[in-house]
Amino acid sequence: MTKSPTPGSAPTAGQAAAASGARSARLLVGLIGGVFLLLIAAFVGMIFLVHDEVRLNAVGPIAAAPGAERGGVVFHGTANIWEVRGRLTQDDARQVSFAIDLVGPTAQPAPAGLQLSLSLERADGTGTPIPLDHRLVRPGSLVATSAPLETGPWRLRLTLPEIEALQEFSVEP
């Protein structure tokens, strides 16, 4: 039979080591549990913080040519299920022309009835957005041209169901 300590007596070295080990184990479990709860809270919080916007990436420049005297840029990205491939060019009058192709997940073009809109806005958020009229060239391909724009940073906003795709560009003097 083991001898149990009497109340008020000092714990033995083995009991002190066991108590220290138990405290360490509880501390480790508490830390792991806290990190796990923080991770869950972050995932739940993402639902409320995620915007329905995606940025389109500039892929490369377009050299200056007749009708695109200021050159332009090729951009690419994914908006929901649609792959967005576009070209943006500027002429001498600071008019910006857009050509955009929307391709689905199985390489099919976007249907003609797809609800979408194009607008231009100042990148700094000042002013009101300028809606752009666009026309379908063929299924999934559309073109649009703006009125002459003021110099400075601008943003193209392509609005699709459930998501908006943004492409920033600059109009030089």
Protein backbone atom coordinates (compact mmCIF):
# COMPACT_ATOMS: atom_id res chain seq x y z
CA MET A 1 0.00 0.00 0.00
CA THR A 2 1.24 3.45 -0.81
CA LYS A 3 1.51 6.07 1.74
CA SER A 4 -0.63 9.15 1.02
CA PRO A 5 0.65 12.48 2.20
CA THR A 6 -0.99 13.98 5.18
CA PRO A 7 -2.68 17.32 4.77
CA GLY A 8 -0.26 20.19 5.27
CA SER A 9 2.82 18.11 4.49
CA ALA A 10 5.13 18.99 1.59
CA PRO A 11 4.57 17.05 -1.68
CA THR A 12 7.22 14.57 -2.66
CA ALA A 13 9.49 15.15 -5.68
CA GLY A 14 7.49 12.68 -7.79
CA GLN A 15 4.22 14.40 -6.99
CA ALA A 16 5.67 17.81 -7.82
CA ALA A 17 6.95 16.53 -11.17
CA ALA A 18 3.55 14.96 -11.96
CA ALA A 19 1.75 18.20 -11.08
CA SER A 20 4.17 20.22 -13.24
CA GLY A 21 3.65 17.78 -16.15
CA ALA A 22 -0.12 18.02 -15.81
CA ARG A 23 0.06 21.82 -15.79
CA SER A 24 2.21 21.77 -18.93
CA ALA A 25 -0.17 19.40 -20.66
CA ARG A 26 -3.19 21.56 -19.76
CA LEU A 27 -1.36 24.66 -21.00
CA LEU A 28 -0.45 22.95 -24.29
CA VAL A 29 -4.02 21.71 -24.82
CA GLY A 30 -5.34 25.20 -24.02
CA LEU A 31 -2.99 26.83 -26.54
CA ILE A 32 -3.84 24.35 -29.28
CA GLY A 33 -7.56 24.74 -28.55
CA GLY A 34 -7.23 28.54 -28.62
CA VAL A 35 -5.45 28.48 -31.97
CA PHE A 36 -8.11 26.13 -33.36
CA LEU A 37 -10.93 28.43 -32.18
CA LEU A 38 -9.15 31.43 -33.67
CA LEU A 39 -8.87 29.61 -36.99
CA ILE A 40 -12.59 28.77 -36.97
CA ALA A 41 -13.44 32.39 -36.12
CA ALA A 42 -11.26 33.61 -39.01
CA PHE A 43 -13.01 31.30 -41.49
CA VAL A 44 -16.44 32.38 -40.29
CA GLY A 45 -15.38 36.05 -40.41
CA MET A 46 -14.23 35.68 -44.02
CA ILE A 47 -17.87 35.26 -45.04
CA PHE A 48 -18.61 38.78 -43.85
CA LEU A 49 -15.39 40.40 -45.09
CA VAL A 50 -15.08 38.97 -48.60
CA HIS A 51 -16.04 41.40 -51.33
CA ASP A 52 -17.66 40.33 -54.54
CA GLU A 53 -14.85 41.91 -56.54
CA VAL A 54 -11.87 40.43 -58.31
CA ARG A 55 -8.95 42.20 -59.90
CA LEU A 56 -7.98 41.47 -63.47
CA ASN A 57 -4.24 41.29 -64.06
CA ALA A 58 -2.31 43.16 -66.71
CA VAL A 59 -0.53 40.55 -68.80
CA GLY A 60 1.43 42.69 -71.23
CA PRO A 61 1.54 45.90 -73.23
CA ILE A 62 0.02 46.61 -76.62
CA ALA A 63 2.29 48.65 -78.90
CA ALA A 64 1.10 51.93 -80.36
CA ALA A 65 -0.59 51.57 -83.76
CA PRO A 66 -3.12 53.47 -85.87
CA GLY A 67 -6.29 53.76 -83.79
CA ALA A 68 -4.30 52.95 -80.64
CA GLU A 69 -1.75 55.75 -80.74
CA ARG A 70 -1.18 55.61 -76.98
CA GLY A 71 -0.88 51.81 -76.92
CA GLY A 72 -2.68 49.72 -74.38
CA VAL A 73 -2.61 46.62 -72.24
CA VAL A 74 -3.76 43.01 -72.38
CA PHE A 75 -5.50 41.86 -69.19
CA HIS A 76 -6.66 38.50 -67.93
CA GLY A 77 -8.43 37.04 -64.92
CA THR A 78 -11.22 34.87 -63.58
CA ALA A 79 -14.62 36.17 -62.47
CA ASN A 80 -16.72 33.42 -60.91
CA ILE A 81 -16.87 30.70 -63.61
CA TRP A 82 -15.85 33.03 -66.45
CA GLU A 83 -12.33 33.46 -67.72
CA VAL A 84 -11.98 37.11 -68.75
CA ARG A 85 -9.51 37.98 -71.50
CA GLY A 86 -9.36 41.58 -72.57
CA ARG A 87 -7.55 44.27 -74.49
CA LEU A 88 -7.61 47.96 -73.65
CA THR A 89 -6.25 50.56 -76.10
CA GLN A 90 -6.14 54.37 -76.12
CA ASP A 91 -6.15 56.67 -79.12
CA ASP A 92 -4.87 60.24 -79.55
CA ALA A 93 -8.20 61.71 -78.43
CA ARG A 94 -7.94 59.80 -75.08
CA GLN A 95 -10.79 57.49 -76.04
CA VAL A 96 -10.39 54.04 -74.57
CA SER A 97 -11.52 50.95 -76.49
CA PHE A 98 -12.15 47.60 -74.84
CA ALA A 99 -12.41 44.15 -76.39
CA ILE A 100 -13.38 41.45 -73.89
CA ASP A 101 -13.81 37.70 -74.31
CA LEU A 102 -15.68 35.65 -71.70
CA VAL A 103 -14.96 31.93 -71.74
CA GLY A 104 -16.68 29.35 -69.55
CA PRO A 105 -15.18 26.40 -67.67
CA THR A 106 -15.55 24.00 -70.60
CA ALA A 107 -14.16 26.54 -73.11
CA GLN A 108 -17.64 27.56 -74.28
CA PRO A 109 -18.26 31.27 -74.90
CA ALA A 110 -20.60 33.19 -72.65
CA PRO A 111 -24.22 33.05 -73.82
CA ALA A 112 -25.64 36.11 -75.57
CA GLY A 113 -28.25 36.51 -72.80
CA LEU A 114 -25.69 36.78 -69.98
CA GLN A 115 -26.51 39.79 -67.81
CA LEU A 116 -23.44 42.03 -67.71
CA SER A 117 -22.58 45.68 -67.67
CA LEU A 118 -19.47 47.79 -68.16
CA SER A 119 -18.69 51.08 -66.48
CA LEU A 120 -15.73 53.38 -65.96
CA GLU A 121 -14.95 55.14 -62.72
CA ARG A 122 -12.10 57.17 -61.31
CA ALA A 123 -9.69 54.91 -59.42
CA ASP A 124 -9.73 57.27 -56.43
CA GLY A 125 -13.53 56.97 -56.16
CA THR A 126 -14.33 60.59 -57.05
CA GLY A 127 -17.02 61.36 -59.59
CA THR A 128 -19.85 59.18 -60.77
CA PRO A 129 -19.38 55.96 -62.72
CA ILE A 130 -19.76 56.27 -66.48
CA PRO A 131 -21.79 53.42 -67.99
CA LEU A 132 -20.36 52.01 -71.22
CA ASP A 133 -22.53 50.73 -74.04
CA HIS A 134 -21.16 47.50 -75.41
CA ARG A 135 -22.08 45.28 -78.30
CA LEU A 136 -21.58 41.60 -78.89
CA VAL A 137 -19.28 40.80 -81.79
CA ARG A 138 -19.90 37.06 -81.45
CA PRO A 139 -20.99 34.86 -78.53
CA GLY A 140 -18.80 35.64 -75.53
CA SER A 141 -16.99 38.57 -77.21
CA LEU A 142 -17.93 42.18 -76.67
CA VAL A 143 -16.48 45.57 -77.53
CA ALA A 144 -16.99 49.04 -76.06
CA THR A 145 -15.54 52.51 -76.56
CA SER A 146 -15.57 55.37 -74.09
CA ALA A 147 -15.94 59.06 -74.66
CA PRO A 148 -12.66 61.00 -74.31
CA LEU A 149 -11.49 60.65 -70.71
CA GLU A 150 -9.73 63.07 -68.41
CA THR A 151 -6.13 62.25 -67.59
CA GLY A 152 -5.42 60.21 -64.48
CA PRO A 153 -6.13 56.77 -63.06
CA TRP A 154 -9.33 54.99 -64.11
CA ARG A 155 -10.99 51.66 -63.38
CA LEU A 156 -13.06 49.45 -65.69
CA ARG A 157 -15.82 47.62 -63.79
CA LEU A 158 -17.25 44.52 -65.49
CA THR A 159 -20.37 43.50 -63.56
CA LEU A 160 -21.52 39.89 -63.92
CA PRO A 161 -24.11 38.01 -61.86
CA GLU A 162 -22.71 37.59 -58.33
CA ILE A 163 -19.32 39.22 -59.01
CA GLU A 164 -17.54 42.28 -60.38
CA ALA A 165 -14.19 42.28 -62.17
CA LEU A 166 -11.98 45.37 -62.02
CA GLN A 167 -9.16 46.51 -64.31
CA GLU A 168 -7.25 49.67 -63.46
CA PHE A 169 -5.51 51.78 -66.07
CA SER A 170 -4.18 55.29 -66.52
CA VAL A 171 -4.96 57.92 -69.15
CA GLU A 172 -1.87 60.01 -69.83
CA PRO A 173 -1.99 63.68 -70.96
